[in-house]
């Protein structure tokens, strides 16, 4: 990377962490902030420049980075899947790109954008390049290890989640007693967890034989491109699990970012939630 770094900022805390880490390493950071997604507070975090653009303004993004002398960039923070497919107003360059795609899932779209940027001399780096210490380490991370039933849920859930992730549908599944209660799609992780909680509460009203305790399994894709859409969990994930009655969280080691890891683990311990990260070998 050169001394200037472009940052395409999506929502949440992730872009702020990348900006902070990049500045600590001496980079001048030029932020391309997405009007529909990025927290306006990004303007007060010491970036060399912050430019606002809407989803779909690929030509403007390229012009901004070229004018600012940016040849290396990072994408950080989510763009909600439903935003990509409902709010997007493509400019001519993006419209042409969309027409060329054989599949219109998030991976293929962002991957194609990355290819266009590369053709224009702007190379995307791994979104975790500056945040390696935040990747979930292997092992049990909380005071409590998963119970036998939770471990059974994890084993089953990983199989389901990795199949789902292969098709770029979502990266999270919610399991109760080796039954798949919810699969994440465009609504996002938190909503999938809450939906599972609501379903289990509904079942319990009808004297369900299933335990209400839910296990949340969040995985990376089989060929996870670490330049974008890296799985992320934060303190809000734990808060959502508590609301839904989930008791265990399983992650892929070294493939999932934990934002504020110490706070996540502290909150999990207080709620008696087990967190475990496993090394995964994709076959």
C-alpha atoms as a PDB file:
ATOM      1  CA  UNK A   1       0.000   0.000   0.000  1.00  0.00           C
ATOM      2  CA  UNK A   2       1.118   3.545  -0.660  1.00  0.00           C
ATOM      3  CA  UNK A   3       0.842   6.438   1.789  1.00  0.00           C
ATOM      4  CA  UNK A   4      -2.707   7.178   0.581  1.00  0.00           C
ATOM      5  CA  UNK A   5      -5.464   4.664   1.188  1.00  0.00           C
ATOM      6  CA  UNK A   6      -9.019   4.770  -0.129  1.00  0.00           C
ATOM      7  CA  UNK A   7     -11.780   3.564   2.196  1.00  0.00           C
ATOM      8  CA  UNK A   8     -15.207   2.661   0.793  1.00  0.00           C
ATOM      9  CA  UNK A   9     -17.256   2.922   3.976  1.00  0.00           C
ATOM     10  CA  UNK A  10     -20.471   1.002   4.580  1.00  0.00           C
ATOM     11  CA  UNK A  11     -22.516   0.954   7.780  1.00  0.00           C
ATOM     12  CA  UNK A  12     -21.615   0.126  11.369  1.00  0.00           C
ATOM     13  CA  UNK A  13     -18.379   0.438  13.318  1.00  0.00           C
ATOM     14  CA  UNK A  14     -16.121  -1.513  10.948  1.00  0.00           C
ATOM     15  CA  UNK A  15     -15.158   1.506   8.717  1.00  0.00           C
ATOM     16  CA  UNK A  16     -14.235   3.544  11.811  1.00  0.00           C
ATOM     17  CA  UNK A  17     -11.914   0.770  13.020  1.00  0.00           C
ATOM     18  CA  UNK A  18     -10.230   0.505   9.611  1.00  0.00           C
ATOM     19  CA  UNK A  19      -9.829   4.306   9.457  1.00  0.00           C
ATOM     20  CA  UNK A  20      -8.324   4.382  12.951  1.00  0.00           C
ATOM     21  CA  UNK A  21      -5.945   1.480  12.238  1.00  0.00           C
ATOM     22  CA  UNK A  22      -4.859   2.978   8.900  1.00  0.00           C
ATOM     23  CA  UNK A  23      -4.131   6.377  10.443  1.00  0.00           C
ATOM     24  CA  UNK A  24      -2.148   4.681  13.233  1.00  0.00           C
ATOM     25  CA  UNK A  25       0.037   3.135  10.513  1.00  0.00           C
ATOM     26  CA  UNK A  26       0.617   6.546   8.941  1.00  0.00           C
ATOM     27  CA  UNK A  27      -1.784   6.391   5.988  1.00  0.00           C
ATOM     28  CA  UNK A  28      -3.669   9.400   4.694  1.00  0.00           C
ATOM     29  CA  UNK A  29      -7.184   8.004   4.312  1.00  0.00           C
ATOM     30  CA  UNK A  30      -9.597   9.178   1.630  1.00  0.00           C
ATOM     31  CA  UNK A  31     -13.115   8.056   2.548  1.00  0.00           C
ATOM     32  CA  UNK A  32     -15.827   7.354  -0.022  1.00  0.00           C
ATOM     33  CA  UNK A  33     -18.893   7.373   2.228  1.00  0.00           C
ATOM     34  CA  UNK A  34     -22.145   5.774   1.034  1.00  0.00           C
ATOM     35  CA  UNK A  35     -24.990   8.209   1.620  1.00  0.00           C
ATOM     36  CA  UNK A  36     -27.538   5.454   2.365  1.00  0.00           C
ATOM     37  CA  UNK A  37     -25.283   3.612   4.819  1.00  0.00           C
ATOM     38  CA  UNK A  38     -22.339   5.444   6.385  1.00  0.00           C
ATOM     39  CA  UNK A  39     -22.514   7.099   9.806  1.00  0.00           C
ATOM     40  CA  UNK A  40     -21.949  10.878   9.280  1.00  0.00           C
ATOM     41  CA  UNK A  41     -19.586  10.816  12.298  1.00  0.00           C
ATOM     42  CA  UNK A  42     -16.952   9.467   9.869  1.00  0.00           C
ATOM     43  CA  UNK A  43     -16.322  13.122   8.938  1.00  0.00           C
ATOM     44  CA  UNK A  44     -14.876  13.801  12.403  1.00  0.00           C
ATOM     45  CA  UNK A  45     -12.345  10.973  12.569  1.00  0.00           C
ATOM     46  CA  UNK A  46      -9.294  12.548  10.951  1.00  0.00           C
ATOM     47  CA  UNK A  47      -9.612  11.346   7.353  1.00  0.00           C
ATOM     48  CA  UNK A  48      -7.655  13.329   4.758  1.00  0.00           C
ATOM     49  CA  UNK A  49     -10.942  13.752   2.869  1.00  0.00           C
ATOM     50  CA  UNK A  50     -14.512  12.443   3.015  1.00  0.00           C
ATOM     51  CA  UNK A  51     -16.565  12.304  -0.192  1.00  0.00           C
ATOM     52  CA  UNK A  52     -20.254  11.333  -0.136  1.00  0.00           C
ATOM     53  CA  UNK A  53     -21.817   9.307  -2.930  1.00  0.00           C
ATOM     54  CA  UNK A  54     -24.908   7.178  -3.416  1.00  0.00           C
ATOM     55  CA  UNK A  55     -25.098   3.461  -4.045  1.00  0.00           C
ATOM     56  CA  UNK A  56     -24.655   2.905  -7.735  1.00  0.00           C
ATOM     57  CA  UNK A  57     -22.326   5.846  -8.411  1.00  0.00           C
ATOM     58  CA  UNK A  58     -19.391   3.732  -9.565  1.00  0.00           C
ATOM     59  CA  UNK A  59     -18.103   6.347 -12.020  1.00  0.00           C
ATOM     60  CA  UNK A  60     -18.064   8.965  -9.250  1.00  0.00           C
ATOM     61  CA  UNK A  61     -16.177   6.578  -6.949  1.00  0.00           C
ATOM     62  CA  UNK A  62     -13.479   6.043  -9.566  1.00  0.00           C
ATOM     63  CA  UNK A  63     -13.207   9.794 -10.261  1.00  0.00           C
ATOM     64  CA  UNK A  64     -12.892  10.584  -6.547  1.00  0.00           C
ATOM     65  CA  UNK A  65     -10.102   8.080  -5.973  1.00  0.00           C
ATOM     66  CA  UNK A  66      -8.215   9.101  -9.118  1.00  0.00           C
ATOM     67  CA  UNK A  67      -8.466  12.803  -8.249  1.00  0.00           C
ATOM     68  CA  UNK A  68      -7.194  12.032  -4.736  1.00  0.00           C
ATOM     69  CA  UNK A  69      -4.280   9.918  -6.014  1.00  0.00           C
ATOM     70  CA  UNK A  70      -5.620   6.689  -4.510  1.00  0.00           C
ATOM     71  CA  UNK A  71      -4.416   3.408  -6.037  1.00  0.00           C
ATOM     72  CA  UNK A  72      -5.041   1.091  -3.062  1.00  0.00           C
ATOM     73  CA  UNK A  73      -8.407   0.818  -1.309  1.00  0.00           C
ATOM     74  CA  UNK A  74     -10.347  -1.164   1.269  1.00  0.00           C
ATOM     75  CA  UNK A  75     -14.086  -1.842   1.472  1.00  0.00           C
ATOM     76  CA  UNK A  76     -15.252  -1.894   5.092  1.00  0.00           C
ATOM     77  CA  UNK A  77     -18.704  -2.108   6.622  1.00  0.00           C
ATOM     78  CA  UNK A  78     -21.800  -3.709   5.254  1.00  0.00           C
ATOM     79  CA  UNK A  79     -24.146  -2.417   2.648  1.00  0.00           C
ATOM     80  CA  UNK A  80     -27.463  -4.042   3.533  1.00  0.00           C
ATOM     81  CA  UNK A  81     -28.293  -6.698   0.952  1.00  0.00           C
ATOM     82  CA  UNK A  82     -31.786  -5.309   0.486  1.00  0.00           C
ATOM     83  CA  UNK A  83     -30.315  -1.836  -0.134  1.00  0.00           C
ATOM     84  CA  UNK A  84     -28.195  -3.199  -2.955  1.00  0.00           C
ATOM     85  CA  UNK A  85     -31.247  -4.615  -4.681  1.00  0.00           C
ATOM     86  CA  UNK A  86     -33.875  -1.975  -3.860  1.00  0.00           C
ATOM     87  CA  UNK A  87     -32.209   1.413  -3.306  1.00  0.00           C
ATOM     88  CA  UNK A  88     -29.554   1.222  -5.983  1.00  0.00           C
ATOM     89  CA  UNK A  89     -29.793   3.645  -8.916  1.00  0.00           C
ATOM     90  CA  UNK A  90     -26.973   2.508 -11.164  1.00  0.00           C
ATOM     91  CA  UNK A  91     -24.977   4.960 -13.250  1.00  0.00           C
ATOM     92  CA  UNK A  92     -24.083   3.895 -16.798  1.00  0.00           C
ATOM     93  CA  UNK A  93     -20.906   2.080 -15.759  1.00  0.00           C
ATOM     94  CA  UNK A  94     -22.642   0.061 -13.058  1.00  0.00           C
ATOM     95  CA  UNK A  95     -25.693  -0.576 -15.267  1.00  0.00           C
ATOM     96  CA  UNK A  96     -23.408  -2.050 -17.923  1.00  0.00           C
ATOM     97  CA  UNK A  97     -21.716  -4.180 -15.268  1.00  0.00           C
ATOM     98  CA  UNK A  98     -25.083  -5.410 -13.890  1.00  0.00           C
ATOM     99  CA  UNK A  99     -26.201  -6.472 -17.358  1.00  0.00           C
ATOM    100  CA  UNK A 100     -23.043  -8.554 -17.752  1.00  0.00           C
ATOM    101  CA  UNK A 101     -23.600 -10.576 -14.567  1.00  0.00           C
ATOM    102  CA  UNK A 102     -24.980 -14.102 -14.825  1.00  0.00           C
ATOM    103  CA  UNK A 103     -25.961 -14.069 -11.137  1.00  0.00           C
ATOM    104  CA  UNK A 104     -27.007 -11.006  -9.180  1.00  0.00           C
ATOM    105  CA  UNK A 105     -26.011 -11.979  -5.654  1.00  0.00           C
ATOM    106  CA  UNK A 106     -23.951  -9.667  -3.462  1.00  0.00           C
ATOM    107  CA  UNK A 107     -20.672 -11.503  -4.034  1.00  0.00           C
ATOM    108  CA  UNK A 108     -20.868 -11.377  -7.806  1.00  0.00           C
ATOM    109  CA  UNK A 109     -21.873  -7.696  -7.760  1.00  0.00           C
ATOM    110  CA  UNK A 110     -19.147  -6.515  -5.382  1.00  0.00           C
ATOM    111  CA  UNK A 111     -16.599  -8.812  -7.023  1.00  0.00           C
ATOM    112  CA  UNK A 112     -17.404  -7.253 -10.386  1.00  0.00           C
ATOM    113  CA  UNK A 113     -17.058  -3.753  -8.886  1.00  0.00           C
ATOM    114  CA  UNK A 114     -13.641  -4.809  -7.546  1.00  0.00           C
ATOM    115  CA  UNK A 115     -12.649  -5.946 -11.052  1.00  0.00           C
ATOM    116  CA  UNK A 116     -13.724  -2.610 -12.560  1.00  0.00           C
ATOM    117  CA  UNK A 117     -11.742  -0.704  -9.926  1.00  0.00           C
ATOM    118  CA  UNK A 118      -8.708  -2.874 -10.670  1.00  0.00           C
ATOM    119  CA  UNK A 119      -9.014  -2.118 -14.396  1.00  0.00           C
ATOM    120  CA  UNK A 120      -8.945   1.568 -13.447  1.00  0.00           C
ATOM    121  CA  UNK A 121      -5.734   1.090 -11.446  1.00  0.00           C
ATOM    122  CA  UNK A 122      -7.392   0.972  -7.994  1.00  0.00           C
ATOM    123  CA  UNK A 123      -6.656  -2.301  -6.201  1.00  0.00           C
ATOM    124  CA  UNK A 124      -8.822  -3.577  -3.355  1.00  0.00           C
ATOM    125  CA  UNK A 125      -6.985  -4.948  -0.345  1.00  0.00           C
ATOM    126  CA  UNK A 126      -8.362  -7.347   2.282  1.00  0.00           C
ATOM    127  CA  UNK A 127     -10.805  -5.528   4.539  1.00  0.00           C
ATOM    128  CA  UNK A 128      -9.144  -7.236   7.511  1.00  0.00           C
ATOM    129  CA  UNK A 129      -5.563  -6.400   6.467  1.00  0.00           C
ATOM    130  CA  UNK A 130      -5.304  -3.783   9.209  1.00  0.00           C
ATOM    131  CA  UNK A 131      -7.487  -5.631  11.707  1.00  0.00           C
ATOM    132  CA  UNK A 132      -5.923  -9.106  12.010  1.00  0.00           C
ATOM    133  CA  UNK A 133      -5.976  -8.948  15.849  1.00  0.00           C
ATOM    134  CA  UNK A 134      -9.781  -8.627  15.724  1.00  0.00           C
ATOM    135  CA  UNK A 135     -10.312 -11.953  13.935  1.00  0.00           C
ATOM    136  CA  UNK A 136     -11.835 -14.592  16.230  1.00  0.00           C
ATOM    137  CA  UNK A 137      -9.109 -16.905  17.557  1.00  0.00           C
ATOM    138  CA  UNK A 138      -9.718 -20.647  17.686  1.00  0.00           C
ATOM    139  CA  UNK A 139     -11.139 -22.127  20.872  1.00  0.00           C
ATOM    140  CA  UNK A 140     -13.748 -21.496  23.551  1.00  0.00           C
ATOM    141  CA  UNK A 141     -13.730 -17.736  24.143  1.00  0.00           C
ATOM    142  CA  UNK A 142     -16.131 -17.512  27.083  1.00  0.00           C
ATOM    143  CA  UNK A 143     -16.137 -18.789  30.641  1.00  0.00           C
ATOM    144  CA  UNK A 144     -18.619 -21.476  29.650  1.00  0.00           C
ATOM    145  CA  UNK A 145     -17.981 -24.041  26.913  1.00  0.00           C
ATOM    146  CA  UNK A 146     -20.881 -25.306  24.766  1.00  0.00           C
ATOM    147  CA  UNK A 147     -22.991 -28.063  26.365  1.00  0.00           C
ATOM    148  CA  UNK A 148     -23.282 -31.424  24.609  1.00  0.00           C
ATOM    149  CA  UNK A 149     -26.608 -30.328  23.061  1.00  0.00           C
ATOM    150  CA  UNK A 150     -25.146 -27.009  21.906  1.00  0.00           C
ATOM    151  CA  UNK A 151     -22.144 -28.818  20.412  1.00  0.00           C
ATOM    152  CA  UNK A 152     -24.513 -31.125  18.533  1.00  0.00           C
ATOM    153  CA  UNK A 153     -26.354 -28.014  17.268  1.00  0.00           C
ATOM    154  CA  UNK A 154     -23.035 -26.462  16.186  1.00  0.00           C
ATOM    155  CA  UNK A 155     -21.965 -29.550  14.225  1.00  0.00           C
ATOM    156  CA  UNK A 156     -25.329 -29.730  12.464  1.00  0.00           C
ATOM    157  CA  UNK A 157     -25.530 -25.939  12.010  1.00  0.00           C
ATOM    158  CA  UNK A 158     -22.079 -25.707  10.434  1.00  0.00           C
ATOM    159  CA  UNK A 159     -23.082 -28.195   7.766  1.00  0.00           C
ATOM    160  CA  UNK A 160     -26.235 -26.226   6.964  1.00  0.00           C
ATOM    161  CA  UNK A 161     -24.517 -22.810   7.162  1.00  0.00           C
ATOM    162  CA  UNK A 162     -21.656 -23.758   4.871  1.00  0.00           C
ATOM    163  CA  UNK A 163     -24.084 -25.041   2.239  1.00  0.00           C
ATOM    164  CA  UNK A 164     -26.149 -21.839   2.499  1.00  0.00           C
ATOM    165  CA  UNK A 165     -23.026 -19.636   2.393  1.00  0.00           C
ATOM    166  CA  UNK A 166     -21.856 -21.428  -0.754  1.00  0.00           C
ATOM    167  CA  UNK A 167     -24.861 -19.962  -2.577  1.00  0.00           C
ATOM    168  CA  UNK A 168     -24.292 -16.480  -1.039  1.00  0.00           C
ATOM    169  CA  UNK A 169     -27.738 -16.513   0.593  1.00  0.00           C
ATOM    170  CA  UNK A 170     -26.509 -15.665   4.083  1.00  0.00           C
ATOM    171  CA  UNK A 171     -23.847 -16.703   6.568  1.00  0.00           C
ATOM    172  CA  UNK A 172     -25.877 -17.386   9.710  1.00  0.00           C
ATOM    173  CA  UNK A 173     -28.237 -20.187  10.757  1.00  0.00           C
ATOM    174  CA  UNK A 174     -30.096 -20.596  14.045  1.00  0.00           C
ATOM    175  CA  UNK A 175     -30.554 -24.108  15.421  1.00  0.00           C
ATOM    176  CA  UNK A 176     -32.609 -25.701  18.219  1.00  0.00           C
ATOM    177  CA  UNK A 177     -32.114 -29.397  19.002  1.00  0.00           C
ATOM    178  CA  UNK A 178     -30.632 -30.109  15.563  1.00  0.00           C
ATOM    179  CA  UNK A 179     -33.587 -28.459  13.836  1.00  0.00           C
ATOM    180  CA  UNK A 180     -32.908 -25.447  11.627  1.00  0.00           C
ATOM    181  CA  UNK A 181     -35.182 -22.688  12.950  1.00  0.00           C
ATOM    182  CA  UNK A 182     -33.973 -19.779  10.796  1.00  0.00           C
ATOM    183  CA  UNK A 183     -31.611 -19.131   7.894  1.00  0.00           C
ATOM    184  CA  UNK A 184     -30.287 -15.632   7.280  1.00  0.00           C
ATOM    185  CA  UNK A 185     -31.180 -14.109   3.928  1.00  0.00           C
ATOM    186  CA  UNK A 186     -31.329 -10.453   2.900  1.00  0.00           C
ATOM    187  CA  UNK A 187     -32.701  -9.270   6.263  1.00  0.00           C
ATOM    188  CA  UNK A 188     -29.346  -9.724   8.043  1.00  0.00           C
ATOM    189  CA  UNK A 189     -28.049 -11.620  11.074  1.00  0.00           C
ATOM    190  CA  UNK A 190     -29.872  -9.805  13.882  1.00  0.00           C
ATOM    191  CA  UNK A 191     -33.254 -10.102  12.199  1.00  0.00           C
ATOM    192  CA  UNK A 192     -32.679 -13.818  11.517  1.00  0.00           C
ATOM    193  CA  UNK A 193     -31.871 -14.396  15.213  1.00  0.00           C
ATOM    194  CA  UNK A 194     -34.960 -12.432  16.338  1.00  0.00           C
ATOM    195  CA  UNK A 195     -37.131 -14.334  13.853  1.00  0.00           C
ATOM    196  CA  UNK A 196     -35.873 -17.632  15.314  1.00  0.00           C
ATOM    197  CA  UNK A 197     -36.656 -16.386  18.823  1.00  0.00           C
ATOM    198  CA  UNK A 198     -40.180 -15.369  17.808  1.00  0.00           C
ATOM    199  CA  UNK A 199     -40.734 -18.734  16.126  1.00  0.00           C
ATOM    200  CA  UNK A 200     -39.630 -20.648  19.220  1.00  0.00           C
ATOM    201  CA  UNK A 201     -41.822 -18.528  21.488  1.00  0.00           C
ATOM    202  CA  UNK A 202     -44.727 -19.245  19.162  1.00  0.00           C
ATOM    203  CA  UNK A 203     -44.001 -22.966  19.228  1.00  0.00           C
ATOM    204  CA  UNK A 204     -43.821 -22.940  22.999  1.00  0.00           C
ATOM    205  CA  UNK A 205     -47.288 -21.478  23.140  1.00  0.00           C
ATOM    206  CA  UNK A 206     -48.337 -24.675  21.395  1.00  0.00           C
ATOM    207  CA  UNK A 207     -46.442 -27.002  23.767  1.00  0.00           C
ATOM    208  CA  UNK A 208     -43.495 -27.624  21.449  1.00  0.00           C
ATOM    209  CA  UNK A 209     -41.239 -30.563  22.282  1.00  0.00           C
ATOM    210  CA  UNK A 210     -38.208 -28.503  21.187  1.00  0.00           C
ATOM    211  CA  UNK A 211     -36.069 -26.704  23.752  1.00  0.00           C
ATOM    212  CA  UNK A 212     -36.283 -22.938  23.318  1.00  0.00           C
ATOM    213  CA  UNK A 213     -32.486 -22.545  23.716  1.00  0.00           C
ATOM    214  CA  UNK A 214     -31.075 -21.496  20.357  1.00  0.00           C
ATOM    215  CA  UNK A 215     -27.576 -21.937  18.931  1.00  0.00           C
ATOM    216  CA  UNK A 216     -26.388 -19.297  16.435  1.00  0.00           C
ATOM    217  CA  UNK A 217     -23.824 -20.436  13.865  1.00  0.00           C
ATOM    218  CA  UNK A 218     -22.088 -17.771  11.755  1.00  0.00           C
ATOM    219  CA  UNK A 219     -19.608 -18.896   9.104  1.00  0.00           C
ATOM    220  CA  UNK A 220     -17.418 -17.586   6.323  1.00  0.00           C
ATOM    221  CA  UNK A 221     -18.119 -18.581   2.739  1.00  0.00           C
ATOM    222  CA  UNK A 222     -16.157 -21.591   1.433  1.00  0.00           C
ATOM    223  CA  UNK A 223     -13.955 -19.265  -0.624  1.00  0.00           C
ATOM    224  CA  UNK A 224     -14.395 -16.165   1.540  1.00  0.00           C
ATOM    225  CA  UNK A 225     -13.002 -13.096  -0.233  1.00  0.00           C
ATOM    226  CA  UNK A 226     -11.449 -11.177   2.645  1.00  0.00           C
ATOM    227  CA  UNK A 227     -11.652  -7.944   0.646  1.00  0.00           C
ATOM    228  CA  UNK A 228     -15.338  -7.550   1.439  1.00  0.00           C
ATOM    229  CA  UNK A 229     -18.411  -8.978   3.195  1.00  0.00           C
ATOM    230  CA  UNK A 230     -16.345 -10.571   5.966  1.00  0.00           C
ATOM    231  CA  UNK A 231     -18.545 -12.017   8.753  1.00  0.00           C
ATOM    232  CA  UNK A 232     -18.737  -9.596  11.689  1.00  0.00           C
ATOM    233  CA  UNK A 233     -20.171  -9.904  15.194  1.00  0.00           C
ATOM    234  CA  UNK A 234     -20.421  -7.154  17.778  1.00  0.00           C
ATOM    235  CA  UNK A 235     -21.939  -6.415  21.150  1.00  0.00           C
ATOM    236  CA  UNK A 236     -25.308  -5.981  19.417  1.00  0.00           C
ATOM    237  CA  UNK A 237     -25.150  -9.626  18.287  1.00  0.00           C
ATOM    238  CA  UNK A 238     -25.052 -10.731  21.940  1.00  0.00           C
ATOM    239  CA  UNK A 239     -27.856  -8.317  22.896  1.00  0.00           C
ATOM    240  CA  UNK A 240     -29.978  -9.749  20.072  1.00  0.00           C
ATOM    241  CA  UNK A 241     -29.219 -13.321  21.165  1.00  0.00           C
ATOM    242  CA  UNK A 242     -30.363 -12.488  24.709  1.00  0.00           C
ATOM    243  CA  UNK A 243     -33.668 -11.108  23.355  1.00  0.00           C
ATOM    244  CA  UNK A 244     -34.189 -14.231  21.257  1.00  0.00           C
ATOM    245  CA  UNK A 245     -33.276 -16.743  23.962  1.00  0.00           C
ATOM    246  CA  UNK A 246     -30.087 -17.945  22.234  1.00  0.00           C
ATOM    247  CA  UNK A 247     -27.461 -19.543  24.470  1.00  0.00           C
ATOM    248  CA  UNK A 248     -24.520 -20.319  22.165  1.00  0.00           C
ATOM    249  CA  UNK A 249     -22.613 -18.610  19.339  1.00  0.00           C
ATOM    250  CA  UNK A 250     -20.285 -20.512  16.993  1.00  0.00           C
ATOM    251  CA  UNK A 251     -17.907 -18.754  14.583  1.00  0.00           C
ATOM    252  CA  UNK A 252     -15.251 -19.661  12.023  1.00  0.00           C
ATOM    253  CA  UNK A 253     -11.829 -19.011  13.557  1.00  0.00           C
ATOM    254  CA  UNK A 254      -9.638 -16.430  11.771  1.00  0.00           C
ATOM    255  CA  UNK A 255     -12.463 -15.635   9.322  1.00  0.00           C
ATOM    256  CA  UNK A 256     -14.875 -13.640  11.484  1.00  0.00           C
ATOM    257  CA  UNK A 257     -14.264 -10.188  12.965  1.00  0.00           C
ATOM    258  CA  UNK A 258     -15.202  -9.578  16.583  1.00  0.00           C
ATOM    259  CA  UNK A 259     -15.688  -5.838  17.098  1.00  0.00           C
ATOM    260  CA  UNK A 260     -14.850  -4.981  20.735  1.00  0.00           C
ATOM    261  CA  UNK A 261     -13.988  -8.596  21.538  1.00  0.00           C
ATOM    262  CA  UNK A 262     -13.508  -8.020  25.263  1.00  0.00           C
ATOM    263  CA  UNK A 263     -16.938  -6.380  25.582  1.00  0.00           C
ATOM    264  CA  UNK A 264     -18.550  -9.160  23.525  1.00  0.00           C
ATOM    265  CA  UNK A 265     -17.064 -11.839  25.788  1.00  0.00           C
ATOM    266  CA  UNK A 266     -17.960  -9.904  28.945  1.00  0.00           C
ATOM    267  CA  UNK A 267     -21.587  -9.513  27.792  1.00  0.00           C
ATOM    268  CA  UNK A 268     -21.735 -13.193  26.809  1.00  0.00           C
ATOM    269  CA  UNK A 269     -20.390 -14.272  30.205  1.00  0.00           C
ATOM    270  CA  UNK A 270     -22.964 -12.108  31.987  1.00  0.00           C
ATOM    271  CA  UNK A 271     -25.745 -13.717  29.920  1.00  0.00           C
ATOM    272  CA  UNK A 272     -24.274 -17.248  30.321  1.00  0.00           C
ATOM    273  CA  UNK A 273     -23.801 -17.484  26.541  1.00  0.00           C
ATOM    274  CA  UNK A 274     -21.042 -19.752  25.214  1.00  0.00           C
ATOM    275  CA  UNK A 275     -18.889 -18.529  22.301  1.00  0.00           C
ATOM    276  CA  UNK A 276     -16.625 -20.908  20.403  1.00  0.00           C
ATOM    277  CA  UNK A 277     -14.567 -20.449  17.222  1.00  0.00           C
ATOM    278  CA  UNK A 278     -13.452 -23.472  15.237  1.00  0.00           C
ATOM    279  CA  UNK A 279     -10.879 -23.876  12.496  1.00  0.00           C
ATOM    280  CA  UNK A 280     -12.737 -24.983   9.390  1.00  0.00           C
ATOM    281  CA  UNK A 281     -11.339 -27.017   6.543  1.00  0.00           C
ATOM    282  CA  UNK A 282     -13.542 -26.741   3.444  1.00  0.00           C
ATOM    283  CA  UNK A 283     -13.559 -29.790   1.230  1.00  0.00           C
END
